[in-house]
């Protein structure tokens, strides 16, 4: 896992055609907005989260965030234990995000 600043995150995701952005916040938190293109897997729903992570492509690059950076750091560690080695954590999380936001697409 590599921690990225806002600027590093924006640069890496913009240049990475092999990226998957994952929001691990709660449903309530996600209702406040998400980073565009993100998929939502609530880490507080462990079975759903694990099922989703077990089906991820190990060749992809995963950019993970939560509200402040702690849960997403934990998520990256879990993902790495499942063989998903290319994980990036948004330092400071969504609460420090200064980029574009959107609503979760159902």
PDB file of N, CA and C in Angstrom:
ATOM      1  N   UNK A   1       0.841  -1.181   0.000  1.00  0.00           N
ATOM      2  CA  UNK A   1       0.000   0.000   0.000  1.00  0.00           C
ATOM      3  C   UNK A   1       0.883   1.239   0.000  1.00  0.00           C
ATOM      4  N   UNK A   2       0.468   2.179  -0.809  1.00  0.00           N
ATOM      5  CA  UNK A   2       1.157   3.458  -0.860  1.00  0.00           C
ATOM      6  C   UNK A   2       0.140   4.547  -0.537  1.00  0.00           C
ATOM      7  N   UNK A   3       0.477   5.427   0.403  1.00  0.00           N
ATOM      8  CA  UNK A   3      -0.374   6.573   0.714  1.00  0.00           C
ATOM      9  C   UNK A   3      -0.123   7.664  -0.321  1.00  0.00           C
ATOM     10  N   UNK A   4      -1.203   8.241  -0.832  1.00  0.00           N
ATOM     11  CA  UNK A   4      -1.100   9.306  -1.825  1.00  0.00           C
ATOM     12  C   UNK A   4      -1.762  10.584  -1.321  1.00  0.00           C
ATOM     13  N   UNK A   5      -1.160  11.713  -1.628  1.00  0.00           N
ATOM     14  CA  UNK A   5      -1.797  13.003  -1.365  1.00  0.00           C
ATOM     15  C   UNK A   5      -2.898  13.208  -2.409  1.00  0.00           C
ATOM     16  N   UNK A   6      -3.714  14.234  -2.207  1.00  0.00           N
ATOM     17  CA  UNK A   6      -4.736  14.583  -3.202  1.00  0.00           C
ATOM     18  C   UNK A   6      -4.125  14.723  -4.592  1.00  0.00           C
ATOM     19  N   UNK A   7      -3.045  15.489  -4.683  1.00  0.00           N
ATOM     20  CA  UNK A   7      -2.429  15.759  -5.981  1.00  0.00           C
ATOM     21  C   UNK A   7      -1.881  14.482  -6.610  1.00  0.00           C
ATOM     22  N   UNK A   8      -1.192  13.665  -5.818  1.00  0.00           N
ATOM     23  CA  UNK A   8      -0.653  12.407  -6.343  1.00  0.00           C
ATOM     24  C   UNK A   8      -1.785  11.501  -6.827  1.00  0.00           C
ATOM     25  N   UNK A   9      -2.869  11.443  -6.049  1.00  0.00           N
ATOM     26  CA  UNK A   9      -4.034  10.619  -6.403  1.00  0.00           C
ATOM     27  C   UNK A   9      -4.595  11.054  -7.762  1.00  0.00           C
ATOM     28  N   UNK A  10      -4.805  12.360  -7.908  1.00  0.00           N
ATOM     29  CA  UNK A  10      -5.366  12.888  -9.158  1.00  0.00           C
ATOM     30  C   UNK A  10      -4.464  12.555 -10.344  1.00  0.00           C
ATOM     31  N   UNK A  11      -3.166  12.754 -10.177  1.00  0.00           N
ATOM     32  CA  UNK A  11      -2.224  12.491 -11.266  1.00  0.00           C
ATOM     33  C   UNK A  11      -2.189  11.008 -11.620  1.00  0.00           C
ATOM     34  N   UNK A  12      -2.103  10.154 -10.611  1.00  0.00           N
ATOM     35  CA  UNK A  12      -1.999   8.713 -10.862  1.00  0.00           C
ATOM     36  C   UNK A  12      -3.278   8.153 -11.477  1.00  0.00           C
ATOM     37  N   UNK A  13      -4.437   8.525 -10.931  1.00  0.00           N
ATOM     38  CA  UNK A  13      -5.681   7.974 -11.478  1.00  0.00           C
ATOM     39  C   UNK A  13      -5.941   8.490 -12.891  1.00  0.00           C
ATOM     40  N   UNK A  14      -5.567   9.728 -13.171  1.00  0.00           N
ATOM     41  CA  UNK A  14      -5.768  10.282 -14.514  1.00  0.00           C
ATOM     42  C   UNK A  14      -4.917   9.554 -15.549  1.00  0.00           C
ATOM     43  N   UNK A  15      -3.738   9.104 -15.145  1.00  0.00           N
ATOM     44  CA  UNK A  15      -2.808   8.463 -16.070  1.00  0.00           C
ATOM     45  C   UNK A  15      -2.920   6.939 -16.080  1.00  0.00           C
ATOM     46  N   UNK A  16      -3.751   6.368 -15.220  1.00  0.00           N
ATOM     47  CA  UNK A  16      -3.798   4.914 -15.027  1.00  0.00           C
ATOM     48  C   UNK A  16      -5.051   4.318 -15.664  1.00  0.00           C
ATOM     49  N   UNK A  17      -4.882   3.685 -16.814  1.00  0.00           N
ATOM     50  CA  UNK A  17      -6.023   3.061 -17.497  1.00  0.00           C
ATOM     51  C   UNK A  17      -6.393   1.716 -16.873  1.00  0.00           C
ATOM     52  N   UNK A  18      -5.631   1.286 -15.893  1.00  0.00           N
ATOM     53  CA  UNK A  18      -5.851  -0.005 -15.238  1.00  0.00           C
ATOM     54  C   UNK A  18      -6.338   0.187 -13.799  1.00  0.00           C
ATOM     55  N   UNK A  19      -6.988   1.323 -13.542  1.00  0.00           N
ATOM     56  CA  UNK A  19      -7.345   1.663 -12.166  1.00  0.00           C
ATOM     57  C   UNK A  19      -8.784   1.314 -11.819  1.00  0.00           C
ATOM     58  N   UNK A  20      -8.982   1.035 -10.531  1.00  0.00           N
ATOM     59  CA  UNK A  20     -10.307   0.868  -9.942  1.00  0.00           C
ATOM     60  C   UNK A  20     -10.311   1.726  -8.681  1.00  0.00           C
ATOM     61  N   UNK A  21     -11.272   2.643  -8.582  1.00  0.00           N
ATOM     62  CA  UNK A  21     -11.396   3.497  -7.400  1.00  0.00           C
ATOM     63  C   UNK A  21     -12.468   2.897  -6.506  1.00  0.00           C
ATOM     64  N   UNK A  22     -12.112   2.665  -5.240  1.00  0.00           N
ATOM     65  CA  UNK A  22     -13.032   2.030  -4.298  1.00  0.00           C
ATOM     66  C   UNK A  22     -13.268   2.937  -3.099  1.00  0.00           C
ATOM     67  N   UNK A  23     -14.540   3.179  -2.822  1.00  0.00           N
ATOM     68  CA  UNK A  23     -14.984   3.945  -1.658  1.00  0.00           C
ATOM     69  C   UNK A  23     -15.431   2.930  -0.609  1.00  0.00           C
ATOM     70  N   UNK A  24     -14.799   2.932   0.564  1.00  0.00           N
ATOM     71  CA  UNK A  24     -15.138   1.948   1.605  1.00  0.00           C
ATOM     72  C   UNK A  24     -15.945   2.561   2.749  1.00  0.00           C
ATOM     73  N   UNK A  25     -16.520   3.744   2.524  1.00  0.00           N
ATOM     74  CA  UNK A  25     -17.319   4.397   3.562  1.00  0.00           C
ATOM     75  C   UNK A  25     -18.696   3.744   3.696  1.00  0.00           C
ATOM     76  N   UNK A  26     -19.436   4.193   4.696  1.00  0.00           N
ATOM     77  CA  UNK A  26     -20.794   3.692   4.918  1.00  0.00           C
ATOM     78  C   UNK A  26     -21.746   4.285   3.879  1.00  0.00           C
ATOM     79  N   UNK A  27     -22.936   3.683   3.775  1.00  0.00           N
ATOM     80  CA  UNK A  27     -23.960   4.198   2.858  1.00  0.00           C
ATOM     81  C   UNK A  27     -24.279   5.654   3.172  1.00  0.00           C
ATOM     82  N   UNK A  28     -24.394   5.970   4.448  1.00  0.00           N
ATOM     83  CA  UNK A  28     -24.714   7.338   4.861  1.00  0.00           C
ATOM     84  C   UNK A  28     -23.629   8.313   4.408  1.00  0.00           C
ATOM     85  N   UNK A  29     -22.370   7.934   4.588  1.00  0.00           N
ATOM     86  CA  UNK A  29     -21.263   8.796   4.171  1.00  0.00           C
ATOM     87  C   UNK A  29     -21.247   8.981   2.655  1.00  0.00           C
ATOM     88  N   UNK A  30     -21.515   7.910   1.934  1.00  0.00           N
ATOM     89  CA  UNK A  30     -21.501   7.962   0.475  1.00  0.00           C
ATOM     90  C   UNK A  30     -22.593   8.891  -0.057  1.00  0.00           C
ATOM     91  N   UNK A  31     -23.688   9.020   0.689  1.00  0.00           N
ATOM     92  CA  UNK A  31     -24.775   9.903   0.250  1.00  0.00           C
ATOM     93  C   UNK A  31     -24.320  11.363   0.182  1.00  0.00           C
ATOM     94  N   UNK A  32     -23.194  11.688   0.819  1.00  0.00           N
ATOM     95  CA  UNK A  32     -22.635  13.044   0.777  1.00  0.00           C
ATOM     96  C   UNK A  32     -21.867  13.312  -0.513  1.00  0.00           C
ATOM     97  N   UNK A  33     -21.650  12.276  -1.309  1.00  0.00           N
ATOM     98  CA  UNK A  33     -20.916  12.397  -2.561  1.00  0.00           C
ATOM     99  C   UNK A  33     -19.742  11.439  -2.601  1.00  0.00           C
ATOM    100  N   UNK A  34     -19.266  11.168  -3.806  1.00  0.00           N
ATOM    101  CA  UNK A  34     -18.138  10.261  -4.008  1.00  0.00           C
ATOM    102  C   UNK A  34     -17.164  10.875  -5.007  1.00  0.00           C
ATOM    103  N   UNK A  35     -15.996  10.297  -5.075  1.00  0.00           N
ATOM    104  CA  UNK A  35     -15.047  10.668  -6.114  1.00  0.00           C
ATOM    105  C   UNK A  35     -15.556  10.039  -7.411  1.00  0.00           C
ATOM    106  N   UNK A  36     -15.655  10.813  -8.495  1.00  0.00           N
ATOM    107  CA  UNK A  36     -16.202  10.276  -9.742  1.00  0.00           C
ATOM    108  C   UNK A  36     -15.525   8.978 -10.178  1.00  0.00           C
ATOM    109  N   UNK A  37     -16.349   8.021 -10.594  1.00  0.00           N
ATOM    110  CA  UNK A  37     -15.857   6.735 -11.073  1.00  0.00           C
ATOM    111  C   UNK A  37     -15.685   5.690  -9.995  1.00  0.00           C
ATOM    112  N   UNK A  38     -15.892   6.066  -8.745  1.00  0.00           N
ATOM    113  CA  UNK A  38     -15.693   5.117  -7.641  1.00  0.00           C
ATOM    114  C   UNK A  38     -16.819   4.096  -7.571  1.00  0.00           C
ATOM    115  N   UNK A  39     -16.450   2.905  -7.113  1.00  0.00           N
ATOM    116  CA  UNK A  39     -17.425   1.883  -6.751  1.00  0.00           C
ATOM    117  C   UNK A  39     -17.446   1.814  -5.235  1.00  0.00           C
ATOM    118  N   UNK A  40     -18.583   1.435  -4.677  1.00  0.00           N
ATOM    119  CA  UNK A  40     -18.761   1.482  -3.223  1.00  0.00           C
ATOM    120  C   UNK A  40     -18.839   0.076  -2.642  1.00  0.00           C
ATOM    121  N   UNK A  41     -17.957  -0.213  -1.697  1.00  0.00           N
ATOM    122  CA  UNK A  41     -17.979  -1.449  -0.916  1.00  0.00           C
ATOM    123  C   UNK A  41     -17.732  -1.060   0.536  1.00  0.00           C
ATOM    124  N   UNK A  42     -18.775  -1.065   1.338  1.00  0.00           N
ATOM    125  CA  UNK A  42     -18.708  -0.651   2.741  1.00  0.00           C
ATOM    126  C   UNK A  42     -17.878  -1.656   3.544  1.00  0.00           C
ATOM    127  N   UNK A  43     -16.755  -1.208   4.083  1.00  0.00           N
ATOM    128  CA  UNK A  43     -15.895  -2.102   4.858  1.00  0.00           C
ATOM    129  C   UNK A  43     -16.558  -2.526   6.168  1.00  0.00           C
ATOM    130  N   UNK A  44     -17.583  -1.791   6.613  1.00  0.00           N
ATOM    131  CA  UNK A  44     -18.319  -2.180   7.817  1.00  0.00           C
ATOM    132  C   UNK A  44     -19.353  -3.272   7.537  1.00  0.00           C
ATOM    133  N   UNK A  45     -19.419  -3.731   6.297  1.00  0.00           N
ATOM    134  CA  UNK A  45     -20.218  -4.904   5.922  1.00  0.00           C
ATOM    135  C   UNK A  45     -19.206  -5.959   5.478  1.00  0.00           C
ATOM    136  N   UNK A  46     -18.539  -6.588   6.455  1.00  0.00           N
ATOM    137  CA  UNK A  46     -17.352  -7.391   6.146  1.00  0.00           C
ATOM    138  C   UNK A  46     -17.568  -8.531   5.155  1.00  0.00           C
ATOM    139  N   UNK A  47     -18.682  -9.231   5.239  1.00  0.00           N
ATOM    140  CA  UNK A  47     -18.877 -10.354   4.318  1.00  0.00           C
ATOM    141  C   UNK A  47     -19.033  -9.856   2.885  1.00  0.00           C
ATOM    142  N   UNK A  48     -19.822  -8.799   2.707  1.00  0.00           N
ATOM    143  CA  UNK A  48     -19.988  -8.219   1.369  1.00  0.00           C
ATOM    144  C   UNK A  48     -18.660  -7.684   0.847  1.00  0.00           C
ATOM    145  N   UNK A  49     -17.916  -7.020   1.721  1.00  0.00           N
ATOM    146  CA  UNK A  49     -16.624  -6.465   1.322  1.00  0.00           C
ATOM    147  C   UNK A  49     -15.675  -7.587   0.889  1.00  0.00           C
ATOM    148  N   UNK A  50     -15.582  -8.634   1.693  1.00  0.00           N
ATOM    149  CA  UNK A  50     -14.677  -9.746   1.371  1.00  0.00           C
ATOM    150  C   UNK A  50     -15.097 -10.451   0.086  1.00  0.00           C
ATOM    151  N   UNK A  51     -16.400 -10.660  -0.090  1.00  0.00           N
ATOM    152  CA  UNK A  51     -16.880 -11.297  -1.321  1.00  0.00           C
ATOM    153  C   UNK A  51     -16.478 -10.478  -2.543  1.00  0.00           C
ATOM    154  N   UNK A  52     -16.656  -9.166  -2.452  1.00  0.00           N
ATOM    155  CA  UNK A  52     -16.293  -8.293  -3.573  1.00  0.00           C
ATOM    156  C   UNK A  52     -14.791  -8.330  -3.831  1.00  0.00           C
ATOM    157  N   UNK A  53     -13.994  -8.255  -2.777  1.00  0.00           N
ATOM    158  CA  UNK A  53     -12.539  -8.231  -2.946  1.00  0.00           C
ATOM    159  C   UNK A  53     -12.019  -9.557  -3.504  1.00  0.00           C
ATOM    160  N   UNK A  54     -12.643 -10.652  -3.124  1.00  0.00           N
ATOM    161  CA  UNK A  54     -12.236 -11.960  -3.645  1.00  0.00           C
ATOM    162  C   UNK A  54     -12.481 -12.090  -5.140  1.00  0.00           C
ATOM    163  N   UNK A  55     -13.335 -11.244  -5.691  1.00  0.00           N
ATOM    164  CA  UNK A  55     -13.643 -11.290  -7.120  1.00  0.00           C
ATOM    165  C   UNK A  55     -12.902 -10.228  -7.927  1.00  0.00           C
ATOM    166  N   UNK A  56     -12.008  -9.499  -7.287  1.00  0.00           N
ATOM    167  CA  UNK A  56     -11.256  -8.452  -7.980  1.00  0.00           C
ATOM    168  C   UNK A  56     -10.096  -9.053  -8.777  1.00  0.00           C
ATOM    169  N   UNK A  57      -9.710  -8.355  -9.825  1.00  0.00           N
ATOM    170  CA  UNK A  57      -8.614  -8.745 -10.706  1.00  0.00           C
ATOM    171  C   UNK A  57      -7.281  -8.325 -10.075  1.00  0.00           C
ATOM    172  N   UNK A  58      -6.414  -9.276  -9.811  1.00  0.00           N
ATOM    173  CA  UNK A  58      -5.131  -8.997  -9.153  1.00  0.00           C
ATOM    174  C   UNK A  58      -4.211  -8.129 -10.012  1.00  0.00           C
ATOM    175  N   UNK A  59      -4.508  -7.993 -11.299  1.00  0.00           N
ATOM    176  CA  UNK A  59      -3.669  -7.193 -12.190  1.00  0.00           C
ATOM    177  C   UNK A  59      -4.042  -5.711 -12.191  1.00  0.00           C
ATOM    178  N   UNK A  60      -5.157  -5.365 -11.570  1.00  0.00           N
ATOM    179  CA  UNK A  60      -5.611  -3.968 -11.550  1.00  0.00           C
ATOM    180  C   UNK A  60      -4.884  -3.183 -10.461  1.00  0.00           C
ATOM    181  N   UNK A  61      -4.980  -1.866 -10.551  1.00  0.00           N
ATOM    182  CA  UNK A  61      -4.452  -0.957  -9.533  1.00  0.00           C
ATOM    183  C   UNK A  61      -5.640  -0.388  -8.773  1.00  0.00           C
ATOM    184  N   UNK A  62      -5.629  -0.521  -7.455  1.00  0.00           N
ATOM    185  CA  UNK A  62      -6.769  -0.148  -6.628  1.00  0.00           C
ATOM    186  C   UNK A  62      -6.475   1.105  -5.814  1.00  0.00           C
ATOM    187  N   UNK A  63      -7.306   2.119  -6.016  1.00  0.00           N
ATOM    188  CA  UNK A  63      -7.217   3.396  -5.316  1.00  0.00           C
ATOM    189  C   UNK A  63      -8.373   3.428  -4.327  1.00  0.00           C
ATOM    190  N   UNK A  64      -8.059   3.424  -3.039  1.00  0.00           N
ATOM    191  CA  UNK A  64      -9.057   3.204  -1.996  1.00  0.00           C
ATOM    192  C   UNK A  64      -9.126   4.424  -1.080  1.00  0.00           C
ATOM    193  N   UNK A  65     -10.370   4.790  -0.714  1.00  0.00           N
ATOM    194  CA  UNK A  65     -10.521   5.910   0.215  1.00  0.00           C
ATOM    195  C   UNK A  65     -11.712   5.695   1.137  1.00  0.00           C
ATOM    196  N   UNK A  66     -11.671   6.400   2.265  1.00  0.00           N
ATOM    197  CA  UNK A  66     -12.772   6.436   3.231  1.00  0.00           C
ATOM    198  C   UNK A  66     -12.934   7.897   3.646  1.00  0.00           C
ATOM    199  N   UNK A  67     -13.482   8.140   4.809  1.00  0.00           N
ATOM    200  CA  UNK A  67     -13.678   9.531   5.240  1.00  0.00           C
ATOM    201  C   UNK A  67     -12.342  10.192   5.605  1.00  0.00           C
ATOM    202  N   UNK A  68     -11.490   9.495   6.380  1.00  0.00           N
ATOM    203  CA  UNK A  68     -10.265  10.127   6.879  1.00  0.00           C
ATOM    204  C   UNK A  68      -8.976   9.382   6.529  1.00  0.00           C
ATOM    205  N   UNK A  69      -9.061   8.186   5.990  1.00  0.00           N
ATOM    206  CA  UNK A  69      -7.870   7.451   5.582  1.00  0.00           C
ATOM    207  C   UNK A  69      -7.557   6.214   6.386  1.00  0.00           C
ATOM    208  N   UNK A  70      -8.207   6.030   7.536  1.00  0.00           N
ATOM    209  CA  UNK A  70      -7.910   4.888   8.395  1.00  0.00           C
ATOM    210  C   UNK A  70      -8.553   3.594   7.882  1.00  0.00           C
ATOM    211  N   UNK A  71      -9.852   3.633   7.620  1.00  0.00           N
ATOM    212  CA  UNK A  71     -10.535   2.429   7.118  1.00  0.00           C
ATOM    213  C   UNK A  71      -9.994   2.014   5.759  1.00  0.00           C
ATOM    214  N   UNK A  72      -9.678   2.989   4.915  1.00  0.00           N
ATOM    215  CA  UNK A  72      -9.146   2.640   3.598  1.00  0.00           C
ATOM    216  C   UNK A  72      -7.758   2.023   3.718  1.00  0.00           C
ATOM    217  N   UNK A  73      -6.988   2.450   4.696  1.00  0.00           N
ATOM    218  CA  UNK A  73      -5.692   1.828   4.954  1.00  0.00           C
ATOM    219  C   UNK A  73      -5.885   0.371   5.367  1.00  0.00           C
ATOM    220  N   UNK A  74      -6.853   0.130   6.244  1.00  0.00           N
ATOM    221  CA  UNK A  74      -7.171  -1.244   6.654  1.00  0.00           C
ATOM    222  C   UNK A  74      -7.647  -2.057   5.457  1.00  0.00           C
ATOM    223  N   UNK A  75      -8.487  -1.445   4.617  1.00  0.00           N
ATOM    224  CA  UNK A  75      -8.992  -2.139   3.431  1.00  0.00           C
ATOM    225  C   UNK A  75      -7.841  -2.537   2.515  1.00  0.00           C
ATOM    226  N   UNK A  76      -6.880  -1.639   2.328  1.00  0.00           N
ATOM    227  CA  UNK A  76      -5.717  -1.952   1.496  1.00  0.00           C
ATOM    228  C   UNK A  76      -4.946  -3.140   2.057  1.00  0.00           C
ATOM    229  N   UNK A  77      -4.797  -3.191   3.366  1.00  0.00           N
ATOM    230  CA  UNK A  77      -4.094  -4.311   3.990  1.00  0.00           C
ATOM    231  C   UNK A  77      -4.838  -5.620   3.753  1.00  0.00           C
ATOM    232  N   UNK A  78      -6.159  -5.599   3.891  1.00  0.00           N
ATOM    233  CA  UNK A  78      -6.971  -6.794   3.627  1.00  0.00           C
ATOM    234  C   UNK A  78      -6.827  -7.196   2.163  1.00  0.00           C
ATOM    235  N   UNK A  79      -6.918  -6.227   1.281  1.00  0.00           N
ATOM    236  CA  UNK A  79      -6.812  -6.506  -0.151  1.00  0.00           C
ATOM    237  C   UNK A  79      -5.460  -7.118  -0.490  1.00  0.00           C
ATOM    238  N   UNK A  80      -4.396  -6.588   0.099  1.00  0.00           N
ATOM    239  CA  UNK A  80      -3.067  -7.142  -0.148  1.00  0.00           C
ATOM    240  C   UNK A  80      -2.963  -8.575   0.352  1.00  0.00           C
ATOM    241  N   UNK A  81      -3.618  -8.880   1.475  1.00  0.00           N
ATOM    242  CA  UNK A  81      -3.591 -10.251   1.998  1.00  0.00           C
ATOM    243  C   UNK A  81      -4.328 -11.216   1.072  1.00  0.00           C
ATOM    244  N   UNK A  82      -5.216 -10.684   0.231  1.00  0.00           N
ATOM    245  CA  UNK A  82      -5.963 -11.494  -0.734  1.00  0.00           C
ATOM    246  C   UNK A  82      -5.272 -11.548  -2.096  1.00  0.00           C
ATOM    247  N   UNK A  83      -4.078 -10.960  -2.192  1.00  0.00           N
ATOM    248  CA  UNK A  83      -3.322 -11.020  -3.435  1.00  0.00           C
ATOM    249  C   UNK A  83      -3.473  -9.811  -4.341  1.00  0.00           C
ATOM    250  N   UNK A  84      -4.168  -8.778  -3.869  1.00  0.00           N
ATOM    251  CA  UNK A  84      -4.311  -7.542  -4.645  1.00  0.00           C
ATOM    252  C   UNK A  84      -3.178  -6.608  -4.220  1.00  0.00           C
ATOM    253  N   UNK A  85      -2.067  -6.684  -4.914  1.00  0.00           N
ATOM    254  CA  UNK A  85      -0.824  -6.052  -4.453  1.00  0.00           C
ATOM    255  C   UNK A  85      -0.697  -4.572  -4.781  1.00  0.00           C
ATOM    256  N   UNK A  86      -1.448  -4.084  -5.759  1.00  0.00           N
ATOM    257  CA  UNK A  86      -1.294  -2.694  -6.195  1.00  0.00           C
ATOM    258  C   UNK A  86      -2.388  -1.837  -5.573  1.00  0.00           C
ATOM    259  N   UNK A  87      -2.196  -1.461  -4.300  1.00  0.00           N
ATOM    260  CA  UNK A  87      -3.204  -0.673  -3.597  1.00  0.00           C
ATOM    261  C   UNK A  87      -2.637   0.682  -3.192  1.00  0.00           C
ATOM    262  N   UNK A  88      -3.495   1.688  -3.321  1.00  0.00           N
ATOM    263  CA  UNK A  88      -3.132   3.063  -2.995  1.00  0.00           C
ATOM    264  C   UNK A  88      -4.204   3.644  -2.081  1.00  0.00           C
ATOM    265  N   UNK A  89      -3.784   4.280  -1.016  1.00  0.00           N
ATOM    266  CA  UNK A  89      -4.680   4.864  -0.028  1.00  0.00           C
ATOM    267  C   UNK A  89      -4.658   6.385  -0.149  1.00  0.00           C
ATOM    268  N   UNK A  90      -5.852   6.995  -0.161  1.00  0.00           N
ATOM    269  CA  UNK A  90      -5.937   8.454  -0.192  1.00  0.00           C
ATOM    270  C   UNK A  90      -5.692   8.987   1.212  1.00  0.00           C
ATOM    271  N   UNK A  91      -4.520   9.568   1.430  1.00  0.00           N
ATOM    272  CA  UNK A  91      -4.171  10.121   2.743  1.00  0.00           C
ATOM    273  C   UNK A  91      -5.142  11.241   3.096  1.00  0.00           C
ATOM    274  N   UNK A  92      -5.716  11.170   4.285  1.00  0.00           N
ATOM    275  CA  UNK A  92      -6.672  12.185   4.711  1.00  0.00           C
ATOM    276  C   UNK A  92      -8.092  11.911   4.275  1.00  0.00           C
ATOM    277  N   UNK A  93      -8.266  10.979   3.342  1.00  0.00           N
ATOM    278  CA  UNK A  93      -9.593  10.549   2.932  1.00  0.00           C
ATOM    279  C   UNK A  93     -10.436  11.605   2.237  1.00  0.00           C
ATOM    280  N   UNK A  94     -11.722  11.279   2.125  1.00  0.00           N
ATOM    281  CA  UNK A  94     -12.677  12.137   1.424  1.00  0.00           C
ATOM    282  C   UNK A  94     -12.841  13.485   2.111  1.00  0.00           C
ATOM    283  N   UNK A  95     -12.669  13.520   3.420  1.00  0.00           N
ATOM    284  CA  UNK A  95     -12.842  14.787   4.139  1.00  0.00           C
ATOM    285  C   UNK A  95     -11.793  15.822   3.735  1.00  0.00           C
ATOM    286  N   UNK A  96     -10.653  15.380   3.213  1.00  0.00           N
ATOM    287  CA  UNK A  96      -9.622  16.305   2.737  1.00  0.00           C
ATOM    288  C   UNK A  96      -9.591  16.424   1.214  1.00  0.00           C
ATOM    289  N   UNK A  97     -10.493  15.715   0.535  1.00  0.00           N
ATOM    290  CA  UNK A  97     -10.508  15.701  -0.928  1.00  0.00           C
ATOM    291  C   UNK A  97     -10.874  17.080  -1.461  1.00  0.00           C
ATOM    292  N   UNK A  98     -10.093  17.572  -2.411  1.00  0.00           N
ATOM    293  CA  UNK A  98     -10.378  18.880  -2.993  1.00  0.00           C
ATOM    294  C   UNK A  98     -10.660  18.791  -4.488  1.00  0.00           C
ATOM    295  N   UNK A  99     -10.900  17.575  -4.960  1.00  0.00           N
ATOM    296  CA  UNK A  99     -11.206  17.374  -6.374  1.00  0.00           C
ATOM    297  C   UNK A  99     -12.706  17.298  -6.617  1.00  0.00           C
ATOM    298  N   UNK A 100     -13.064  16.873  -7.810  1.00  0.00           N
ATOM    299  CA  UNK A 100     -14.466  16.757  -8.199  1.00  0.00           C
ATOM    300  C   UNK A 100     -15.172  15.680  -7.379  1.00  0.00           C
ATOM    301  N   UNK A 101     -16.475  15.862  -7.201  1.00  0.00           N
ATOM    302  CA  UNK A 101     -17.308  14.850  -6.552  1.00  0.00           C
ATOM    303  C   UNK A 101     -18.555  14.637  -7.400  1.00  0.00           C
ATOM    304  N   UNK A 102     -19.191  13.499  -7.175  1.00  0.00           N
ATOM    305  CA  UNK A 102     -20.445  13.203  -7.859  1.00  0.00           C
ATOM    306  C   UNK A 102     -21.294  12.354  -6.931  1.00  0.00           C
ATOM    307  N   UNK A 103     -22.441  11.924  -7.424  1.00  0.00           N
ATOM    308  CA  UNK A 103     -23.296  11.026  -6.661  1.00  0.00           C
ATOM    309  C   UNK A 103     -23.050   9.605  -7.118  1.00  0.00           C
ATOM    310  N   UNK A 104     -23.259   8.651  -6.226  1.00  0.00           N
ATOM    311  CA  UNK A 104     -23.085   7.241  -6.561  1.00  0.00           C
ATOM    312  C   UNK A 104     -24.116   6.851  -7.602  1.00  0.00           C
ATOM    313  N   UNK A 105     -23.653   6.206  -8.663  1.00  0.00           N
ATOM    314  CA  UNK A 105     -24.567   5.719  -9.693  1.00  0.00           C
ATOM    315  C   UNK A 105     -25.072   4.360  -9.271  1.00  0.00           C
ATOM    316  N   UNK A 106     -26.383   4.227  -9.213  1.00  0.00           N
ATOM    317  CA  UNK A 106     -26.984   2.955  -8.778  1.00  0.00           C
ATOM    318  C   UNK A 106     -26.950   1.947  -9.897  1.00  0.00           C
TER     319      UNK A 106
END
